[in-house]
């Protein structure tokens, strides 16, 4: 398994983050038979669900 920064580097996406953004982890999951991006804040343990294209380019999703 590759870390978020390593995965972003492989995809050619920006990977340097500020300190506040280091508490946020984005992963891909499924909800109601849909693929979604799950954003989890490590500090507050809050999860939010977004469209995958919010965090990843369209060519990665397809």
C-alpha atoms as a PDB file:
ATOM      1  CA  UNK A   1       0.000   0.000   0.000  1.00  0.00           C
ATOM      2  CA  UNK A   2       1.262   3.443  -0.899  1.00  0.00           C
ATOM      3  CA  UNK A   3       0.875   6.513   1.291  1.00  0.00           C
ATOM      4  CA  UNK A   4      -1.230   9.444   0.091  1.00  0.00           C
ATOM      5  CA  UNK A   5       1.845  11.543  -0.738  1.00  0.00           C
ATOM      6  CA  UNK A   6       3.498   8.706  -2.648  1.00  0.00           C
ATOM      7  CA  UNK A   7       0.314   7.983  -4.590  1.00  0.00           C
ATOM      8  CA  UNK A   8      -0.132  11.665  -5.454  1.00  0.00           C
ATOM      9  CA  UNK A   9       3.504  11.861  -6.563  1.00  0.00           C
ATOM     10  CA  UNK A  10       3.032   8.836  -8.853  1.00  0.00           C
ATOM     11  CA  UNK A  11      -0.064  10.441 -10.392  1.00  0.00           C
ATOM     12  CA  UNK A  12       1.756  13.715 -11.008  1.00  0.00           C
ATOM     13  CA  UNK A  13      -0.405  15.621  -8.546  1.00  0.00           C
ATOM     14  CA  UNK A  14       0.847  18.161  -5.983  1.00  0.00           C
ATOM     15  CA  UNK A  15       1.853  16.456  -2.748  1.00  0.00           C
ATOM     16  CA  UNK A  16       3.314  19.108  -0.459  1.00  0.00           C
ATOM     17  CA  UNK A  17       0.771  20.014   2.188  1.00  0.00           C
ATOM     18  CA  UNK A  18       0.468  22.561   4.967  1.00  0.00           C
ATOM     19  CA  UNK A  19       0.395  21.420   8.591  1.00  0.00           C
ATOM     20  CA  UNK A  20      -3.378  21.705   8.855  1.00  0.00           C
ATOM     21  CA  UNK A  21      -3.876  19.565   5.744  1.00  0.00           C
ATOM     22  CA  UNK A  22      -1.629  16.825   7.130  1.00  0.00           C
ATOM     23  CA  UNK A  23      -4.453  15.912   9.516  1.00  0.00           C
ATOM     24  CA  UNK A  24      -6.716  15.082   6.581  1.00  0.00           C
ATOM     25  CA  UNK A  25      -6.685  11.717   4.837  1.00  0.00           C
ATOM     26  CA  UNK A  26      -8.545  11.054   1.598  1.00  0.00           C
ATOM     27  CA  UNK A  27      -9.408   7.517   0.569  1.00  0.00           C
ATOM     28  CA  UNK A  28     -11.724   5.924  -1.950  1.00  0.00           C
ATOM     29  CA  UNK A  29     -14.647   3.915  -0.640  1.00  0.00           C
ATOM     30  CA  UNK A  30     -18.161   2.939  -1.582  1.00  0.00           C
ATOM     31  CA  UNK A  31     -21.476   4.138  -0.275  1.00  0.00           C
ATOM     32  CA  UNK A  32     -24.858   3.008  -1.647  1.00  0.00           C
ATOM     33  CA  UNK A  33     -23.114   1.127  -4.504  1.00  0.00           C
ATOM     34  CA  UNK A  34     -21.318   4.313  -5.618  1.00  0.00           C
ATOM     35  CA  UNK A  35     -17.616   5.075  -5.549  1.00  0.00           C
ATOM     36  CA  UNK A  36     -16.965   8.062  -3.304  1.00  0.00           C
ATOM     37  CA  UNK A  37     -13.979   9.854  -1.801  1.00  0.00           C
ATOM     38  CA  UNK A  38     -13.968   9.729   1.984  1.00  0.00           C
ATOM     39  CA  UNK A  39     -12.239  12.655   3.684  1.00  0.00           C
ATOM     40  CA  UNK A  40     -11.280  11.927   7.291  1.00  0.00           C
ATOM     41  CA  UNK A  41      -9.919  14.529   9.678  1.00  0.00           C
ATOM     42  CA  UNK A  42      -7.552  12.792  12.101  1.00  0.00           C
ATOM     43  CA  UNK A  43      -7.877  15.545  14.695  1.00  0.00           C
ATOM     44  CA  UNK A  44     -11.687  15.481  14.981  1.00  0.00           C
ATOM     45  CA  UNK A  45     -12.358  11.971  13.585  1.00  0.00           C
ATOM     46  CA  UNK A  46     -15.007  13.544  11.323  1.00  0.00           C
ATOM     47  CA  UNK A  47     -15.732  11.820   7.979  1.00  0.00           C
ATOM     48  CA  UNK A  48     -17.213  13.564   4.959  1.00  0.00           C
ATOM     49  CA  UNK A  49     -18.138  11.988   1.645  1.00  0.00           C
ATOM     50  CA  UNK A  50     -17.463  13.672  -1.709  1.00  0.00           C
ATOM     51  CA  UNK A  51     -17.501  12.884  -5.399  1.00  0.00           C
ATOM     52  CA  UNK A  52     -14.236  11.203  -6.379  1.00  0.00           C
ATOM     53  CA  UNK A  53     -13.475  13.886  -8.974  1.00  0.00           C
ATOM     54  CA  UNK A  54     -13.203  16.500  -6.197  1.00  0.00           C
ATOM     55  CA  UNK A  55      -9.820  15.071  -5.111  1.00  0.00           C
ATOM     56  CA  UNK A  56      -8.656  13.037  -8.120  1.00  0.00           C
ATOM     57  CA  UNK A  57      -8.571  13.956 -11.824  1.00  0.00           C
ATOM     58  CA  UNK A  58     -11.172  12.465 -14.167  1.00  0.00           C
ATOM     59  CA  UNK A  59      -8.656  10.163 -15.915  1.00  0.00           C
ATOM     60  CA  UNK A  60      -7.786   8.451 -12.618  1.00  0.00           C
ATOM     61  CA  UNK A  61     -11.411   7.660 -11.812  1.00  0.00           C
ATOM     62  CA  UNK A  62     -12.290   5.987 -15.112  1.00  0.00           C
END
